[in-house]
C-alpha atoms as a PDB file:
ATOM      1  CA  ILE A   1      66.009 184.349 112.174  1.00  0.00           C
ATOM      2  CA  PRO A   2      62.276 183.740 111.829  1.00  0.00           C
ATOM      3  CA  GLU A   3      60.528 181.529 114.346  1.00  0.00           C
ATOM      4  CA  PRO A   4      59.905 177.988 113.077  1.00  0.00           C
ATOM      5  CA  VAL A   5      56.462 177.474 111.591  1.00  0.00           C
ATOM      6  CA  LEU A   6      54.518 174.842 113.485  1.00  0.00           C
ATOM      7  CA  ALA A   7      50.836 174.439 112.781  1.00  0.00           C
ATOM      8  CA  TRP A   8      48.488 171.470 112.759  1.00  0.00           C
ATOM      9  CA  ILE A   9      46.799 171.098 109.378  1.00  0.00           C
ATOM     10  CA  ASP A  10      43.880 168.811 110.168  1.00  0.00           C
ATOM     11  CA  THR A  11      42.867 168.415 106.532  1.00  0.00           C
ATOM     12  CA  GLY A  12      46.368 167.348 105.528  1.00  0.00           C
ATOM     13  CA  ILE A  13      46.326 170.268 103.117  1.00  0.00           C
ATOM     14  CA  ASP A  14      48.734 173.168 103.329  1.00  0.00           C
ATOM     15  CA  PRO A  15      46.453 176.195 102.798  1.00  0.00           C
ATOM     16  CA  ALA A  16      49.264 178.043 101.011  1.00  0.00           C
ATOM     17  CA  ASN A  17      49.885 175.105  98.669  1.00  0.00           C
ATOM     18  CA  PRO A  18      46.761 172.916  98.405  1.00  0.00           C
ATOM     19  CA  GLN A  19      48.374 170.450  96.007  1.00  0.00           C
ATOM     20  CA  GLY A  20      51.612 170.371  97.961  1.00  0.00           C
ATOM     21  CA  HIS A  21      53.878 167.569  99.013  1.00  0.00           C
ATOM     22  CA  ALA A  22      52.214 166.971 102.396  1.00  0.00           C
ATOM     23  CA  THR A  23      48.831 166.589 100.717  1.00  0.00           C
ATOM     24  CA  ARG A  24      50.098 164.055  98.195  1.00  0.00           C
ATOM     25  CA  THR A  25      51.958 161.936 100.719  1.00  0.00           C
ATOM     26  CA  SER A  26      49.067 162.044 103.222  1.00  0.00           C
ATOM     27  CA  ASN A  27      46.696 160.885 100.509  1.00  0.00           C
ATOM     28  CA  GLU A  28      49.085 158.054  99.600  1.00  0.00           C
ATOM     29  CA  ALA A  29      49.128 156.820 103.203  1.00  0.00           C
ATOM     30  CA  LYS A  30      45.339 157.205 103.534  1.00  0.00           C
ATOM     31  CA  ALA A  31      44.829 155.118 100.391  1.00  0.00           C
ATOM     32  CA  VAL A  32      46.600 152.241 102.133  1.00  0.00           C
ATOM     33  CA  CYS A  33      44.955 152.696 105.532  1.00  0.00           C
ATOM     34  CA  GLY A  34      41.578 154.387 105.270  1.00  0.00           C
ATOM     35  CA  SER A  35      40.757 153.663 108.912  1.00  0.00           C
ATOM     36  CA  CYS A  36      43.914 155.381 110.191  1.00  0.00           C
ATOM     37  CA  GLN A  37      43.853 158.868 111.653  1.00  0.00           C
ATOM     38  CA  PHE A  38      46.395 161.245 110.149  1.00  0.00           C
ATOM     39  CA  ARG A  39      47.366 164.736 111.216  1.00  0.00           C
ATOM     40  CA  SER A  40      49.801 166.916 109.323  1.00  0.00           C
ATOM     41  CA  LEU A  41      52.206 169.356 110.912  1.00  0.00           C
ATOM     42  CA  GLN A  42      53.395 172.271 108.835  1.00  0.00           C
ATOM     43  CA  VAL A  43      57.104 172.877 109.467  1.00  0.00           C
ATOM     44  CA  SER A  44      57.781 175.532 106.826  1.00  0.00           C
ATOM     45  CA  LYS A  45      55.835 178.233 105.042  1.00  0.00           C
ATOM     46  CA  ASP A  46      56.251 176.978 101.490  1.00  0.00           C
ATOM     47  CA  GLY A  47      57.993 173.605 101.678  1.00  0.00           C
ATOM     48  CA  ALA A  48      61.439 175.199 101.645  1.00  0.00           C
ATOM     49  CA  GLY A  49      63.593 176.339 104.522  1.00  0.00           C
ATOM     50  CA  ILE A  50      62.794 173.434 106.832  1.00  0.00           C
ATOM     51  CA  THR A  51      65.049 173.675 109.875  1.00  0.00           C
ATOM     52  CA  PRO A  52      66.097 171.117 112.485  1.00  0.00           C
ATOM     53  CA  ASP A  53      64.437 173.309 115.130  1.00  0.00           C
ATOM     54  CA  SER A  54      61.051 173.260 113.389  1.00  0.00           C
ATOM     55  CA  VAL A  55      61.300 169.488 112.904  1.00  0.00           C
ATOM     56  CA  ALA A  56      62.273 168.987 116.558  1.00  0.00           C
ATOM     57  CA  LEU A  57      59.202 170.979 117.619  1.00  0.00           C
ATOM     58  CA  ALA A  58      57.030 168.899 115.288  1.00  0.00           C
ATOM     59  CA  VAL A  59      58.369 165.588 116.643  1.00  0.00           C
ATOM     60  CA  LYS A  60      57.757 166.786 120.193  1.00  0.00           C
ATOM     61  CA  ALA A  61      54.212 167.962 119.357  1.00  0.00           C
ATOM     62  CA  ALA A  62      53.379 164.660 117.630  1.00  0.00           C
ATOM     63  CA  ARG A  63      54.773 162.587 120.507  1.00  0.00           C
ATOM     64  CA  GLU A  64      52.874 164.647 123.079  1.00  0.00           C
ATOM     65  CA  ALA A  65      49.689 164.272 121.000  1.00  0.00           C
ATOM     66  CA  GLY A  66      50.029 160.490 121.275  1.00  0.00           C
ATOM     67  CA  ALA A  67      51.264 159.662 117.775  1.00  0.00           C
ATOM     68  CA  HIS A  68      52.123 156.019 117.152  1.00  0.00           C
ATOM     69  CA  LEU A  69      53.982 156.826 113.928  1.00  0.00           C
ATOM     70  CA  ILE A  70      55.713 159.910 112.560  1.00  0.00           C
ATOM     71  CA  TYR A  71      56.316 160.199 108.832  1.00  0.00           C
ATOM     72  CA  PHE A  72      58.920 162.691 107.601  1.00  0.00           C
ATOM     73  CA  GLY A  73      58.350 163.606 103.939  1.00  0.00           C
ATOM     74  CA  PHE A  74      61.676 165.408 103.531  1.00  0.00           C
ATOM     75  CA  GLY A  75      65.354 165.366 104.359  1.00  0.00           C
ATOM     76  CA  MET A  76      67.815 168.010 105.520  1.00  0.00           C
ATOM     77  CA  LEU A  77      71.591 168.412 105.372  1.00  0.00           C
ATOM     78  CA  THR A  78      71.836 169.566 108.995  1.00  0.00           C
ATOM     79  CA  THR A  79      70.642 168.419 112.383  1.00  0.00           C
ATOM     80  CA  SER A  80      70.664 169.764 115.916  1.00  0.00           C
ATOM     81  CA  LEU A  81      70.927 168.478 119.449  1.00  0.00           C
ATOM     82  CA  ASP A  82      67.229 169.275 119.905  1.00  0.00           C
ATOM     83  CA  LEU A  83      66.229 167.182 116.897  1.00  0.00           C
ATOM     84  CA  ALA A  84      68.402 164.249 117.951  1.00  0.00           C
ATOM     85  CA  ARG A  85      66.937 164.451 121.462  1.00  0.00           C
ATOM     86  CA  GLU A  86      63.320 164.598 120.241  1.00  0.00           C
ATOM     87  CA  VAL A  87      63.849 161.658 117.872  1.00  0.00           C
ATOM     88  CA  ALA A  88      65.362 159.666 120.765  1.00  0.00           C
ATOM     89  CA  LEU A  89      62.438 160.592 123.046  1.00  0.00           C
ATOM     90  CA  ALA A  90      59.928 159.562 120.370  1.00  0.00           C
ATOM     91  CA  ARG A  91      61.661 156.195 119.987  1.00  0.00           C
ATOM     92  CA  LYS A  92      61.687 155.731 123.765  1.00  0.00           C
ATOM     93  CA  ALA A  93      57.936 156.408 123.780  1.00  0.00           C
ATOM     94  CA  GLY A  94      57.450 153.653 121.178  1.00  0.00           C
ATOM     95  CA  VAL A  95      56.757 155.943 118.228  1.00  0.00           C
ATOM     96  CA  LEU A  96      57.736 154.518 114.832  1.00  0.00           C
ATOM     97  CA  LEU A  97      59.657 156.920 112.601  1.00  0.00           C
ATOM     98  CA  VAL A  98      59.544 156.586 108.794  1.00  0.00           C
ATOM     99  CA  ALA A  99      61.326 158.704 106.160  1.00  0.00           C
ATOM    100  CA  PRO A 100      62.113 158.498 102.441  1.00  0.00           C
ATOM    101  CA  ALA A 101      65.660 158.037 101.158  1.00  0.00           C
ATOM    102  CA  GLY A 102      64.988 160.846  98.682  1.00  0.00           C
ATOM    103  CA  VAL A 103      67.225 162.264  95.988  1.00  0.00           C
ATOM    104  CA  GLY A 104      70.376 164.315  96.382  1.00  0.00           C
ATOM    105  CA  LEU A 105      69.748 167.532  98.276  1.00  0.00           C
ATOM    106  CA  ARG A 106      72.848 169.277  96.983  1.00  0.00           C
ATOM    107  CA  ASN A 107      72.043 168.200  93.422  1.00  0.00           C
ATOM    108  CA  PRO A 108      68.805 166.296  92.648  1.00  0.00           C
ATOM    109  CA  PHE A 109      70.576 164.568  89.748  1.00  0.00           C
ATOM    110  CA  ARG A 110      73.369 163.226  91.922  1.00  0.00           C
ATOM    111  CA  PRO A 111      72.354 160.726  94.624  1.00  0.00           C
ATOM    112  CA  GLN A 112      74.125 160.949  97.954  1.00  0.00           C
ATOM    113  CA  PRO A 113      74.581 158.691 100.982  1.00  0.00           C
ATOM    114  CA  VAL A 114      71.614 158.636 103.351  1.00  0.00           C
ATOM    115  CA  SER A 115      74.187 159.011 106.153  1.00  0.00           C
ATOM    116  CA  GLU A 116      74.443 162.691 105.132  1.00  0.00           C
ATOM    117  CA  LEU A 117      70.692 163.336 105.581  1.00  0.00           C
ATOM    118  CA  PHE A 118      68.578 164.152 108.611  1.00  0.00           C
ATOM    119  CA  PRO A 119      66.438 162.854 110.220  1.00  0.00           C
ATOM    120  CA  GLN A 120      67.136 159.787 108.026  1.00  0.00           C
ATOM    121  CA  SER A 121      70.546 159.057 109.551  1.00  0.00           C
ATOM    122  CA  LEU A 122      69.412 159.459 113.156  1.00  0.00           C
ATOM    123  CA  GLY A 123      69.108 156.178 115.017  1.00  0.00           C
ATOM    124  CA  GLY A 124      65.799 154.378 114.698  1.00  0.00           C
ATOM    125  CA  VAL A 125      64.439 156.142 111.622  1.00  0.00           C
ATOM    126  CA  ILE A 126      63.121 153.570 109.120  1.00  0.00           C
ATOM    127  CA  VAL A 127      64.340 154.733 105.703  1.00  0.00           C
ATOM    128  CA  ILE A 128      62.472 153.695 102.547  1.00  0.00           C
ATOM    129  CA  GLY A 129      63.958 153.920  99.058  1.00  0.00           C
ATOM    130  CA  THR A 130      62.656 153.218  95.573  1.00  0.00           C
ATOM    131  CA  ALA A 131      63.230 150.817  92.737  1.00  0.00           C
ATOM    132  CA  ILE A 132      61.804 151.141  89.233  1.00  0.00           C
ATOM    133  CA  ARG A 133      59.152 148.754  87.936  1.00  0.00           C
ATOM    134  CA  ASP A 134      59.242 148.611  84.158  1.00  0.00           C
ATOM    135  CA  SER A 135      56.307 147.983  81.813  1.00  0.00           C
ATOM    136  CA  GLU A 136      57.099 144.234  81.663  1.00  0.00           C
ATOM    137  CA  GLY A 137      56.949 143.935  85.463  1.00  0.00           C
ATOM    138  CA  GLY A 138      60.707 143.753  85.981  1.00  0.00           C
ATOM    139  CA  VAL A 139      62.365 145.657  88.816  1.00  0.00           C
ATOM    140  CA  ARG A 140      65.659 147.508  88.664  1.00  0.00           C
ATOM    141  CA  VAL A 141      67.640 149.844  90.869  1.00  0.00           C
ATOM    142  CA  ASP A 142      66.583 153.489  90.788  1.00  0.00           C
ATOM    143  CA  PRO A 143      69.779 155.263  89.663  1.00  0.00           C
ATOM    144  CA  GLY A 144      68.524 158.581  91.019  1.00  0.00           C
ATOM    145  CA  ALA A 145      67.845 157.403  94.578  1.00  0.00           C
ATOM    146  CA  ASN A 146      69.992 158.101  97.606  1.00  0.00           C
ATOM    147  CA  PHE A 147      71.743 155.045  98.940  1.00  0.00           C
ATOM    148  CA  GLY A 148      73.352 153.398 101.938  1.00  0.00           C
ATOM    149  CA  PRO A 149      72.884 150.703 104.561  1.00  0.00           C
ATOM    150  CA  GLU A 150      70.291 152.893 106.298  1.00  0.00           C
ATOM    151  CA  VAL A 151      67.797 152.122 103.488  1.00  0.00           C
ATOM    152  CA  LEU A 152      65.685 149.245 104.805  1.00  0.00           C
ATOM    153  CA  ILE A 153      63.838 148.445 101.583  1.00  0.00           C
ATOM    154  CA  SER A 154      63.369 149.888  98.106  1.00  0.00           C
ATOM    155  CA  VAL A 155      59.743 149.827  96.997  1.00  0.00           C
ATOM    156  CA  PRO A 156      59.245 149.249  93.257  1.00  0.00           C
ATOM    157  CA  LEU A 157      57.113 151.975  91.694  1.00  0.00           C
ATOM    158  CA  PRO A 158      56.178 152.586  88.055  1.00  0.00           C
ATOM    159  CA  GLY A 159      57.723 155.341  85.999  1.00  0.00           C
ATOM    160  CA  PRO A 160      61.237 156.542  85.236  1.00  0.00           C
ATOM    161  CA  ALA A 161      61.568 158.752  88.339  1.00  0.00           C
ATOM    162  CA  PRO A 162      59.671 157.217  91.275  1.00  0.00           C
ATOM    163  CA  GLU A 163      59.340 159.333  94.410  1.00  0.00           C
ATOM    164  CA  SER A 164      60.592 157.752  97.603  1.00  0.00           C
ATOM    165  CA  SER A 165      58.311 160.120  99.530  1.00  0.00           C
ATOM    166  CA  LEU A 166      55.314 158.285  98.063  1.00  0.00           C
ATOM    167  CA  ALA A 167      56.934 154.889  98.670  1.00  0.00           C
ATOM    168  CA  ALA A 168      57.627 155.805 102.309  1.00  0.00           C
ATOM    169  CA  ALA A 169      54.057 157.101 102.671  1.00  0.00           C
ATOM    170  CA  GLN A 170      52.765 153.739 101.422  1.00  0.00           C
ATOM    171  CA  ILE A 171      54.899 151.972 104.031  1.00  0.00           C
ATOM    172  CA  ALA A 172      53.664 154.382 106.718  1.00  0.00           C
ATOM    173  CA  GLY A 173      50.096 153.538 105.686  1.00  0.00           C
ATOM    174  CA  ARG A 174      50.779 149.799 105.895  1.00  0.00           C
ATOM    175  CA  LEU A 175      52.355 150.199 109.317  1.00  0.00           C
ATOM    176  CA  GLY A 176      49.385 152.355 110.326  1.00  0.00           C
ATOM    177  CA  HIS A 177      47.053 149.532 109.339  1.00  0.00           C
ATOM    178  CA  HIS A 178      48.909 147.167 111.705  1.00  0.00           C
ATOM    179  CA  LEU A 179      49.052 149.783 114.444  1.00  0.00           C
ATOM    180  CA  ALA A 180      45.278 150.228 114.168  1.00  0.00           C
ATOM    181  CA  THR A 181      44.796 146.544 114.989  1.00  0.00           C
ATOM    182  CA  VAL A 182      47.584 145.825 117.482  1.00  0.00           C
ATOM    183  CA  GLY A 183      48.343 149.197 119.065  1.00  0.00           C
ATOM    184  CA  ARG A 184      52.086 149.782 119.358  1.00  0.00           C
ATOM    185  CA  LEU A 185      54.706 147.912 117.323  1.00  0.00           C
ATOM    186  CA  GLN A 186      58.311 147.565 118.399  1.00  0.00           C
ATOM    187  CA  GLU A 187      60.714 149.026 115.876  1.00  0.00           C
ATOM    188  CA  GLY A 188      62.438 145.689 115.213  1.00  0.00           C
ATOM    189  CA  ILE A 189      59.116 143.976 114.534  1.00  0.00           C
ATOM    190  CA  ALA A 190      58.069 146.860 112.280  1.00  0.00           C
ATOM    191  CA  ARG A 191      61.287 146.460 110.274  1.00  0.00           C
ATOM    192  CA  GLU A 192      60.709 142.710 109.899  1.00  0.00           C
ATOM    193  CA  LEU A 193      57.119 143.352 108.839  1.00  0.00           C
ATOM    194  CA  ILE A 194      58.242 145.846 106.178  1.00  0.00           C
ATOM    195  CA  GLN A 195      60.837 143.429 104.813  1.00  0.00           C
ATOM    196  CA  SER A 196      58.191 140.714 104.498  1.00  0.00           C
ATOM    197  CA  LEU A 197      55.824 142.870 102.392  1.00  0.00           C
ATOM    198  CA  LYS A 198      55.107 141.889  98.796  1.00  0.00           C
ATOM    199  CA  PHE A 199      54.998 144.542  96.071  1.00  0.00           C
END
């Protein structure tokens, strides 16, 4: 089994995939909070094969580096004791954890319960879903989005297939803006703040 990849990417750009997912989501968060400092951690070589061990190492590295917020731009079908422990330690340290609800991992055309995804279903992770904003400004449920009581809010985005990764990155940016002014935010207050946002 190969060792987990764990590398800081200070530009937010994966050198092997310069237009990759991490770049797009980092840019989405930066657009909302230009004064925030973001650092990306590479947890796989090409965006595939992310393991609970590599994510646990990333959470630990971010917490030890003094992160106030950790954004996960992915989901997995498995977890580990190490990942659960590192998520719990991050929460205890006052780190906010944000993740997208995503689309089905077994089949991207078949949504699944968020309770089957990790780190989304671990306690304290703020899960963001999507709704669809139509051309007339109406909002409807995104039929392709994962679902469940773990989803705190569904952000309306334009287009027929909105990406919850971008919606969650927007929320991370908005939380980052508040963190930049007040320092730490308690998770409960962060959840209330998110629910009060206008889109």
